[in-house]
Amino acid sequence: MNSGTYPINGMDVCVRKPLIVTCGADKYIRIWNYEEKSMEAYRFFNEEAYCVSIHPSGFHIVVGLTDRLRLMNVCVHNNQIKHYREIGQFK
């Protein structure tokens, strides 16, 4: 994982769990636990994400890429963010 300083493009806070999701110019989506001050999960993309939103339950996120939305499941038990659907090509 990259350790440089990159701007955060998007951020959202979960309503029911102490989670914050961020997307940055370093092409990573990260899920943070703000009570424990730790990173719960992360995922690298081949392209930069411009916005991100987390479901109130904390089990799903939506990632806004240049020309599509990617819906993903959050698996906190094994620290993974898994792709499950794409809504595409908004050109």
PDB file of N, CA and C in Angstrom:
ATOM      1  N   MET A   1       0.842  -1.171   0.000  1.00  0.00           N
ATOM      2  CA  MET A   1       0.000   0.000   0.000  1.00  0.00           C
ATOM      3  C   MET A   1       0.887   1.234   0.000  1.00  0.00           C
ATOM      4  N   ASN A   2       0.478   2.249  -0.719  1.00  0.00           N
ATOM      5  CA  ASN A   2       1.247   3.467  -0.862  1.00  0.00           C
ATOM      6  C   ASN A   2       1.251   4.268   0.431  1.00  0.00           C
ATOM      7  N   SER A   3       2.389   4.827   0.807  1.00  0.00           N
ATOM      8  CA  SER A   3       2.477   5.576   2.059  1.00  0.00           C
ATOM      9  C   SER A   3       2.666   7.071   1.846  1.00  0.00           C
ATOM     10  N   GLY A   4       2.492   7.547   0.604  1.00  0.00           N
ATOM     11  CA  GLY A   4       2.626   8.969   0.323  1.00  0.00           C
ATOM     12  C   GLY A   4       1.415   9.752   0.778  1.00  0.00           C
ATOM     13  N   THR A   5       1.421  11.050   0.508  1.00  0.00           N
ATOM     14  CA  THR A   5       0.311  11.918   0.875  1.00  0.00           C
ATOM     15  C   THR A   5      -0.480  12.247  -0.373  1.00  0.00           C
ATOM     16  N   TYR A   6      -1.737  11.842  -0.407  1.00  0.00           N
ATOM     17  CA  TYR A   6      -2.624  12.079  -1.539  1.00  0.00           C
ATOM     18  C   TYR A   6      -3.908  12.707  -1.045  1.00  0.00           C
ATOM     19  N   PRO A   7      -4.549  13.521  -1.868  1.00  0.00           N
ATOM     20  CA  PRO A   7      -5.816  14.122  -1.435  1.00  0.00           C
ATOM     21  C   PRO A   7      -6.937  13.087  -1.387  1.00  0.00           C
ATOM     22  N   ILE A   8      -7.896  13.334  -0.494  1.00  0.00           N
ATOM     23  CA  ILE A   8      -9.100  12.518  -0.398  1.00  0.00           C
ATOM     24  C   ILE A   8     -10.132  13.118  -1.342  1.00  0.00           C
ATOM     25  N   ASN A   9     -10.665  12.292  -2.251  1.00  0.00           N
ATOM     26  CA  ASN A   9     -11.672  12.755  -3.212  1.00  0.00           C
ATOM     27  C   ASN A   9     -13.084  12.684  -2.653  1.00  0.00           C
ATOM     28  N   GLY A  10     -13.362  11.680  -1.825  1.00  0.00           N
ATOM     29  CA  GLY A  10     -14.697  11.508  -1.286  1.00  0.00           C
ATOM     30  C   GLY A  10     -14.670  10.811   0.055  1.00  0.00           C
ATOM     31  N   MET A  11     -15.739  11.059   0.859  1.00  0.00           N
ATOM     32  CA  MET A  11     -15.807  10.476   2.189  1.00  0.00           C
ATOM     33  C   MET A  11     -17.265  10.362   2.594  1.00  0.00           C
ATOM     34  N   ASP A  12     -17.596   9.321   3.363  1.00  0.00           N
ATOM     35  CA  ASP A  12     -18.940   9.167   3.902  1.00  0.00           C
ATOM     36  C   ASP A  12     -18.834   8.480   5.258  1.00  0.00           C
ATOM     37  N   VAL A  13     -19.842   8.722   6.110  1.00  0.00           N
ATOM     38  CA  VAL A  13     -19.873   8.161   7.453  1.00  0.00           C
ATOM     39  C   VAL A  13     -21.057   7.215   7.574  1.00  0.00           C
ATOM     40  N   CYS A  14     -20.841   6.062   8.162  1.00  0.00           N
ATOM     41  CA  CYS A  14     -21.886   5.074   8.388  1.00  0.00           C
ATOM     42  C   CYS A  14     -22.733   5.509   9.583  1.00  0.00           C
ATOM     43  N   VAL A  15     -24.043   5.309   9.487  1.00  0.00           N
ATOM     44  CA  VAL A  15     -24.957   5.736  10.539  1.00  0.00           C
ATOM     45  C   VAL A  15     -24.969   4.770  11.724  1.00  0.00           C
ATOM     46  N   ARG A  16     -24.939   3.475  11.465  1.00  0.00           N
ATOM     47  CA  ARG A  16     -25.125   2.480  12.526  1.00  0.00           C
ATOM     48  C   ARG A  16     -23.847   1.876  13.082  1.00  0.00           C
ATOM     49  N   LYS A  17     -22.727   2.123  12.441  1.00  0.00           N
ATOM     50  CA  LYS A  17     -21.447   1.585  12.901  1.00  0.00           C
ATOM     51  C   LYS A  17     -20.426   2.714  12.900  1.00  0.00           C
ATOM     52  N   PRO A  18     -19.363   2.589  13.682  1.00  0.00           N
ATOM     53  CA  PRO A  18     -18.348   3.659  13.719  1.00  0.00           C
ATOM     54  C   PRO A  18     -17.380   3.570  12.536  1.00  0.00           C
ATOM     55  N   LEU A  19     -17.916   3.667  11.313  1.00  0.00           N
ATOM     56  CA  LEU A  19     -17.108   3.508  10.110  1.00  0.00           C
ATOM     57  C   LEU A  19     -17.137   4.760   9.247  1.00  0.00           C
ATOM     58  N   ILE A  20     -15.997   5.038   8.642  1.00  0.00           N
ATOM     59  CA  ILE A  20     -15.863   6.100   7.641  1.00  0.00           C
ATOM     60  C   ILE A  20     -15.240   5.453   6.418  1.00  0.00           C
ATOM     61  N   VAL A  21     -15.760   5.750   5.239  1.00  0.00           N
ATOM     62  CA  VAL A  21     -15.180   5.250   3.999  1.00  0.00           C
ATOM     63  C   VAL A  21     -14.596   6.439   3.242  1.00  0.00           C
ATOM     64  N   THR A  22     -13.404   6.260   2.675  1.00  0.00           N
ATOM     65  CA  THR A  22     -12.754   7.318   1.899  1.00  0.00           C
ATOM     66  C   THR A  22     -12.259   6.759   0.568  1.00  0.00           C
ATOM     67  N   CYS A  23     -12.192   7.650  -0.417  1.00  0.00           N
ATOM     68  CA  CYS A  23     -11.528   7.323  -1.680  1.00  0.00           C
ATOM     69  C   CYS A  23     -10.555   8.450  -1.959  1.00  0.00           C
ATOM     70  N   GLY A  24      -9.393   8.094  -2.481  1.00  0.00           N
ATOM     71  CA  GLY A  24      -8.358   9.094  -2.670  1.00  0.00           C
ATOM     72  C   GLY A  24      -7.722   9.051  -4.044  1.00  0.00           C
ATOM     73  N   ALA A  25      -6.895  10.039  -4.288  1.00  0.00           N
ATOM     74  CA  ALA A  25      -6.179  10.136  -5.553  1.00  0.00           C
ATOM     75  C   ALA A  25      -5.135   9.022  -5.698  1.00  0.00           C
ATOM     76  N   ASP A  26      -4.850   8.294  -4.626  1.00  0.00           N
ATOM     77  CA  ASP A  26      -3.917   7.168  -4.695  1.00  0.00           C
ATOM     78  C   ASP A  26      -4.577   5.889  -5.196  1.00  0.00           C
ATOM     79  N   LYS A  27      -5.878   5.975  -5.603  1.00  0.00           N
ATOM     80  CA  LYS A  27      -6.650   4.876  -6.185  1.00  0.00           C
ATOM     81  C   LYS A  27      -7.050   3.802  -5.170  1.00  0.00           C
ATOM     82  N   TYR A  28      -7.069   4.151  -3.885  1.00  0.00           N
ATOM     83  CA  TYR A  28      -7.496   3.234  -2.842  1.00  0.00           C
ATOM     84  C   TYR A  28      -8.845   3.659  -2.270  1.00  0.00           C
ATOM     85  N   ILE A  29      -9.675   2.665  -1.939  1.00  0.00           N
ATOM     86  CA  ILE A  29     -10.861   2.856  -1.118  1.00  0.00           C
ATOM     87  C   ILE A  29     -10.479   2.295   0.243  1.00  0.00           C
ATOM     88  N   ARG A  30     -10.711   3.072   1.296  1.00  0.00           N
ATOM     89  CA  ARG A  30     -10.369   2.601   2.637  1.00  0.00           C
ATOM     90  C   ARG A  30     -11.577   2.750   3.554  1.00  0.00           C
ATOM     91  N   ILE A  31     -11.730   1.782   4.441  1.00  0.00           N
ATOM     92  CA  ILE A  31     -12.778   1.847   5.453  1.00  0.00           C
ATOM     93  C   ILE A  31     -12.089   1.917   6.809  1.00  0.00           C
ATOM     94  N   TRP A  32     -12.422   2.969   7.559  1.00  0.00           N
ATOM     95  CA  TRP A  32     -11.786   3.261   8.832  1.00  0.00           C
ATOM     96  C   TRP A  32     -12.774   3.069   9.972  1.00  0.00           C
ATOM     97  N   ASN A  33     -12.301   2.584  11.102  1.00  0.00           N
ATOM     98  CA  ASN A  33     -13.083   2.532  12.330  1.00  0.00           C
ATOM     99  C   ASN A  33     -12.617   3.712  13.180  1.00  0.00           C
ATOM    100  N   TYR A  34     -13.479   4.717  13.350  1.00  0.00           N
ATOM    101  CA  TYR A  34     -13.043   5.921  14.051  1.00  0.00           C
ATOM    102  C   TYR A  34     -13.040   5.749  15.573  1.00  0.00           C
ATOM    103  N   GLU A  35     -13.707   4.743  16.119  1.00  0.00           N
ATOM    104  CA  GLU A  35     -13.623   4.492  17.564  1.00  0.00           C
ATOM    105  C   GLU A  35     -12.307   3.809  17.921  1.00  0.00           C
ATOM    106  N   GLU A  36     -11.911   2.828  17.125  1.00  0.00           N
ATOM    107  CA  GLU A  36     -10.668   2.098  17.385  1.00  0.00           C
ATOM    108  C   GLU A  36      -9.451   2.752  16.734  1.00  0.00           C
ATOM    109  N   LYS A  37      -9.693   3.787  15.901  1.00  0.00           N
ATOM    110  CA  LYS A  37      -8.623   4.483  15.173  1.00  0.00           C
ATOM    111  C   LYS A  37      -7.790   3.503  14.357  1.00  0.00           C
ATOM    112  N   SER A  38      -8.510   2.673  13.553  1.00  0.00           N
ATOM    113  CA  SER A  38      -7.831   1.665  12.746  1.00  0.00           C
ATOM    114  C   SER A  38      -8.479   1.570  11.368  1.00  0.00           C
ATOM    115  N   MET A  39      -7.747   1.001  10.423  1.00  0.00           N
ATOM    116  CA  MET A  39      -8.279   0.749   9.097  1.00  0.00           C
ATOM    117  C   MET A  39      -8.853  -0.662   9.078  1.00  0.00           C
ATOM    118  N   GLU A  40     -10.128  -0.783   8.713  1.00  0.00           N
ATOM    119  CA  GLU A  40     -10.809  -2.075   8.707  1.00  0.00           C
ATOM    120  C   GLU A  40     -10.554  -2.849   7.410  1.00  0.00           C
ATOM    121  N   ALA A  41     -10.575  -2.152   6.280  1.00  0.00           N
ATOM    122  CA  ALA A  41     -10.413  -2.806   4.979  1.00  0.00           C
ATOM    123  C   ALA A  41      -9.958  -1.784   3.954  1.00  0.00           C
ATOM    124  N   TYR A  42      -9.373  -2.270   2.869  1.00  0.00           N
ATOM    125  CA  TYR A  42      -8.995  -1.383   1.763  1.00  0.00           C
ATOM    126  C   TYR A  42      -9.022  -2.171   0.466  1.00  0.00           C
ATOM    127  N   ARG A  43      -9.101  -1.414  -0.637  1.00  0.00           N
ATOM    128  CA  ARG A  43      -9.092  -2.032  -1.975  1.00  0.00           C
ATOM    129  C   ARG A  43      -8.472  -1.052  -2.958  1.00  0.00           C
ATOM    130  N   PHE A  44      -7.579  -1.557  -3.789  1.00  0.00           N
ATOM    131  CA  PHE A  44      -6.933  -0.752  -4.826  1.00  0.00           C
ATOM    132  C   PHE A  44      -7.727  -0.867  -6.124  1.00  0.00           C
ATOM    133  N   PHE A  45      -7.876   0.258  -6.832  1.00  0.00           N
ATOM    134  CA  PHE A  45      -8.506   0.289  -8.145  1.00  0.00           C
ATOM    135  C   PHE A  45      -7.472   0.691  -9.187  1.00  0.00           C
ATOM    136  N   ASN A  46      -7.694   0.297 -10.416  1.00  0.00           N
ATOM    137  CA  ASN A  46      -6.791   0.683 -11.506  1.00  0.00           C
ATOM    138  C   ASN A  46      -7.022   2.111 -11.961  1.00  0.00           C
ATOM    139  N   GLU A  47      -8.113   2.710 -11.502  1.00  0.00           N
ATOM    140  CA  GLU A  47      -8.406   4.100 -11.846  1.00  0.00           C
ATOM    141  C   GLU A  47      -8.860   4.835 -10.596  1.00  0.00           C
ATOM    142  N   GLU A  48      -8.813   6.142 -10.661  1.00  0.00           N
ATOM    143  CA  GLU A  48      -9.149   6.974  -9.521  1.00  0.00           C
ATOM    144  C   GLU A  48     -10.660   7.029  -9.296  1.00  0.00           C
ATOM    145  N   ALA A  49     -11.072   6.876  -8.054  1.00  0.00           N
ATOM    146  CA  ALA A  49     -12.478   7.023  -7.671  1.00  0.00           C
ATOM    147  C   ALA A  49     -12.719   8.481  -7.275  1.00  0.00           C
ATOM    148  N   TYR A  50     -13.894   9.019  -7.632  1.00  0.00           N
ATOM    149  CA  TYR A  50     -14.184  10.430  -7.383  1.00  0.00           C
ATOM    150  C   TYR A  50     -15.187  10.659  -6.269  1.00  0.00           C
ATOM    151  N   CYS A  51     -15.957   9.616  -5.912  1.00  0.00           N
ATOM    152  CA  CYS A  51     -16.881   9.736  -4.793  1.00  0.00           C
ATOM    153  C   CYS A  51     -17.168   8.344  -4.246  1.00  0.00           C
ATOM    154  N   VAL A  52     -17.628   8.314  -3.005  1.00  0.00           N
ATOM    155  CA  VAL A  52     -17.927   7.045  -2.350  1.00  0.00           C
ATOM    156  C   VAL A  52     -19.043   7.281  -1.332  1.00  0.00           C
ATOM    157  N   SER A  53     -19.881   6.256  -1.160  1.00  0.00           N
ATOM    158  CA  SER A  53     -20.961   6.331  -0.189  1.00  0.00           C
ATOM    159  C   SER A  53     -21.118   4.971   0.479  1.00  0.00           C
ATOM    160  N   ILE A  54     -21.445   4.974   1.767  1.00  0.00           N
ATOM    161  CA  ILE A  54     -21.608   3.733   2.507  1.00  0.00           C
ATOM    162  C   ILE A  54     -23.059   3.607   2.953  1.00  0.00           C
ATOM    163  N   HIS A  55     -23.584   2.394   2.875  1.00  0.00           N
ATOM    164  CA  HIS A  55     -24.951   2.099   3.321  1.00  0.00           C
ATOM    165  C   HIS A  55     -25.027   2.287   4.842  1.00  0.00           C
ATOM    166  N   PRO A  56     -26.177   2.684   5.373  1.00  0.00           N
ATOM    167  CA  PRO A  56     -26.293   2.856   6.827  1.00  0.00           C
ATOM    168  C   PRO A  56     -25.921   1.610   7.633  1.00  0.00           C
ATOM    169  N   SER A  57     -26.089   0.431   7.071  1.00  0.00           N
ATOM    170  CA  SER A  57     -25.727  -0.807   7.778  1.00  0.00           C
ATOM    171  C   SER A  57     -24.216  -1.027   7.821  1.00  0.00           C
ATOM    172  N   GLY A  58     -23.476  -0.404   6.896  1.00  0.00           N
ATOM    173  CA  GLY A  58     -22.031  -0.597   6.816  1.00  0.00           C
ATOM    174  C   GLY A  58     -21.606  -1.803   6.015  1.00  0.00           C
ATOM    175  N   PHE A  59     -22.563  -2.500   5.392  1.00  0.00           N
ATOM    176  CA  PHE A  59     -22.235  -3.716   4.642  1.00  0.00           C
ATOM    177  C   PHE A  59     -22.051  -3.489   3.143  1.00  0.00           C
ATOM    178  N   HIS A  60     -22.383  -2.311   2.638  1.00  0.00           N
ATOM    179  CA  HIS A  60     -22.294  -2.037   1.200  1.00  0.00           C
ATOM    180  C   HIS A  60     -21.741  -0.635   0.973  1.00  0.00           C
ATOM    181  N   ILE A  61     -20.988  -0.484  -0.137  1.00  0.00           N
ATOM    182  CA  ILE A  61     -20.545   0.840  -0.566  1.00  0.00           C
ATOM    183  C   ILE A  61     -20.793   0.990  -2.066  1.00  0.00           C
ATOM    184  N   VAL A  62     -20.910   2.241  -2.483  1.00  0.00           N
ATOM    185  CA  VAL A  62     -20.997   2.589  -3.899  1.00  0.00           C
ATOM    186  C   VAL A  62     -19.811   3.484  -4.203  1.00  0.00           C
ATOM    187  N   VAL A  63     -19.090   3.161  -5.271  1.00  0.00           N
ATOM    188  CA  VAL A  63     -17.903   3.914  -5.665  1.00  0.00           C
ATOM    189  C   VAL A  63     -18.179   4.565  -7.016  1.00  0.00           C
ATOM    190  N   GLY A  64     -17.992   5.873  -7.101  1.00  0.00           N
ATOM    191  CA  GLY A  64     -18.181   6.605  -8.347  1.00  0.00           C
ATOM    192  C   GLY A  64     -16.872   6.741  -9.092  1.00  0.00           C
ATOM    193  N   LEU A  65     -16.796   6.091 -10.249  1.00  0.00           N
ATOM    194  CA  LEU A  65     -15.624   6.183 -11.116  1.00  0.00           C
ATOM    195  C   LEU A  65     -15.936   7.154 -12.261  1.00  0.00           C
ATOM    196  N   THR A  66     -15.045   7.337 -13.174  1.00  0.00           N
ATOM    197  CA  THR A  66     -15.220   8.303 -14.250  1.00  0.00           C
ATOM    198  C   THR A  66     -16.496   8.085 -15.045  1.00  0.00           C
ATOM    199  N   ASP A  67     -16.789   6.831 -15.415  1.00  0.00           N
ATOM    200  CA  ASP A  67     -17.913   6.576 -16.313  1.00  0.00           C
ATOM    201  C   ASP A  67     -18.881   5.513 -15.804  1.00  0.00           C
ATOM    202  N   ARG A  68     -18.794   5.150 -14.526  1.00  0.00           N
ATOM    203  CA  ARG A  68     -19.697   4.117 -13.998  1.00  0.00           C
ATOM    204  C   ARG A  68     -19.702   4.150 -12.471  1.00  0.00           C
ATOM    205  N   LEU A  69     -20.698   3.454 -11.918  1.00  0.00           N
ATOM    206  CA  LEU A  69     -20.780   3.244 -10.477  1.00  0.00           C
ATOM    207  C   LEU A  69     -20.481   1.782 -10.195  1.00  0.00           C
ATOM    208  N   ARG A  70     -19.748   1.530  -9.153  1.00  0.00           N
ATOM    209  CA  ARG A  70     -19.430   0.156  -8.775  1.00  0.00           C
ATOM    210  C   ARG A  70     -19.999  -0.095  -7.381  1.00  0.00           C
ATOM    211  N   LEU A  71     -20.873  -1.097  -7.271  1.00  0.00           N
ATOM    212  CA  LEU A  71     -21.461  -1.482  -6.001  1.00  0.00           C
ATOM    213  C   LEU A  71     -20.624  -2.604  -5.411  1.00  0.00           C
ATOM    214  N   MET A  72     -20.342  -2.492  -4.113  1.00  0.00           N
ATOM    215  CA  MET A  72     -19.429  -3.434  -3.486  1.00  0.00           C
ATOM    216  C   MET A  72     -19.940  -3.855  -2.116  1.00  0.00           C
ATOM    217  N   ASN A  73     -19.616  -5.080  -1.722  1.00  0.00           N
ATOM    218  CA  ASN A  73     -19.919  -5.603  -0.393  1.00  0.00           C
ATOM    219  C   ASN A  73     -18.706  -5.414   0.509  1.00  0.00           C
ATOM    220  N   VAL A  74     -18.973  -5.090   1.759  1.00  0.00           N
ATOM    221  CA  VAL A  74     -17.909  -4.938   2.747  1.00  0.00           C
ATOM    222  C   VAL A  74     -17.916  -6.173   3.632  1.00  0.00           C
ATOM    223  N   CYS A  75     -16.816  -6.892   3.642  1.00  0.00           N
ATOM    224  CA  CYS A  75     -16.659  -8.088   4.467  1.00  0.00           C
ATOM    225  C   CYS A  75     -15.648  -7.757   5.568  1.00  0.00           C
ATOM    226  N   VAL A  76     -16.126  -7.231   6.673  1.00  0.00           N
ATOM    227  CA  VAL A  76     -15.238  -6.749   7.732  1.00  0.00           C
ATOM    228  C   VAL A  76     -14.512  -7.900   8.421  1.00  0.00           C
ATOM    229  N   HIS A  77     -15.122  -9.075   8.481  1.00  0.00           N
ATOM    230  CA  HIS A  77     -14.507 -10.207   9.178  1.00  0.00           C
ATOM    231  C   HIS A  77     -13.190 -10.637   8.538  1.00  0.00           C
ATOM    232  N   ASN A  78     -13.105 -10.549   7.209  1.00  0.00           N
ATOM    233  CA  ASN A  78     -11.845 -10.911   6.548  1.00  0.00           C
ATOM    234  C   ASN A  78     -11.208  -9.722   5.830  1.00  0.00           C
ATOM    235  N   ASN A  79     -11.597  -8.515   6.217  1.00  0.00           N
ATOM    236  CA  ASN A  79     -10.996  -7.265   5.729  1.00  0.00           C
ATOM    237  C   ASN A  79     -10.989  -7.157   4.211  1.00  0.00           C
ATOM    238  N   GLN A  80     -12.124  -7.442   3.580  1.00  0.00           N
ATOM    239  CA  GLN A  80     -12.199  -7.365   2.122  1.00  0.00           C
ATOM    240  C   GLN A  80     -13.357  -6.492   1.668  1.00  0.00           C
ATOM    241  N   ILE A  81     -13.162  -5.889   0.514  1.00  0.00           N
ATOM    242  CA  ILE A  81     -14.209  -5.145  -0.181  1.00  0.00           C
ATOM    243  C   ILE A  81     -14.366  -5.844  -1.525  1.00  0.00           C
ATOM    244  N   LYS A  82     -15.538  -6.461  -1.754  1.00  0.00           N
ATOM    245  CA  LYS A  82     -15.732  -7.283  -2.947  1.00  0.00           C
ATOM    246  C   LYS A  82     -16.736  -6.657  -3.902  1.00  0.00           C
ATOM    247  N   HIS A  83     -16.378  -6.643  -5.174  1.00  0.00           N
ATOM    248  CA  HIS A  83     -17.240  -6.137  -6.234  1.00  0.00           C
ATOM    249  C   HIS A  83     -18.416  -7.080  -6.442  1.00  0.00           C
ATOM    250  N   TYR A  84     -19.656  -6.538  -6.572  1.00  0.00           N
ATOM    251  CA  TYR A  84     -20.763  -7.406  -6.909  1.00  0.00           C
ATOM    252  C   TYR A  84     -21.665  -6.885  -8.022  1.00  0.00           C
ATOM    253  N   ARG A  85     -21.554  -5.611  -8.377  1.00  0.00           N
ATOM    254  CA  ARG A  85     -22.349  -5.102  -9.489  1.00  0.00           C
ATOM    255  C   ARG A  85     -21.757  -3.801 -10.000  1.00  0.00           C
ATOM    256  N   GLU A  86     -21.977  -3.561 -11.296  1.00  0.00           N
ATOM    257  CA  GLU A  86     -21.503  -2.332 -11.914  1.00  0.00           C
ATOM    258  C   GLU A  86     -22.636  -1.731 -12.747  1.00  0.00           C
ATOM    259  N   ILE A  87     -22.839  -0.447 -12.569  1.00  0.00           N
ATOM    260  CA  ILE A  87     -23.816   0.283 -13.371  1.00  0.00           C
ATOM    261  C   ILE A  87     -22.987   1.179 -14.284  1.00  0.00           C
ATOM    262  N   GLY A  88     -23.063   0.944 -15.598  1.00  0.00           N
ATOM    263  CA  GLY A  88     -21.984   1.467 -16.395  1.00  0.00           C
ATOM    264  C   GLY A  88     -22.242   2.494 -17.453  1.00  0.00           C
ATOM    265  N   GLN A  89     -21.127   2.941 -17.918  1.00  0.00           N
ATOM    266  CA  GLN A  89     -20.946   3.769 -19.107  1.00  0.00           C
ATOM    267  C   GLN A  89     -21.935   4.924 -19.205  1.00  0.00           C
ATOM    268  N   PHE A  90     -21.653   5.992 -18.470  1.00  0.00           N
ATOM    269  CA  PHE A  90     -22.507   7.187 -18.443  1.00  0.00           C
ATOM    270  C   PHE A  90     -22.119   8.219 -19.481  1.00  0.00           C
ATOM    271  N   LYS A  91     -21.373   7.851 -20.511  1.00  0.00           N
ATOM    272  CA  LYS A  91     -20.888   8.834 -21.492  1.00  0.00           C
ATOM    273  C   LYS A  91     -22.001   9.346 -22.365  1.00  0.00           C
TER     274      LYS A  91
END
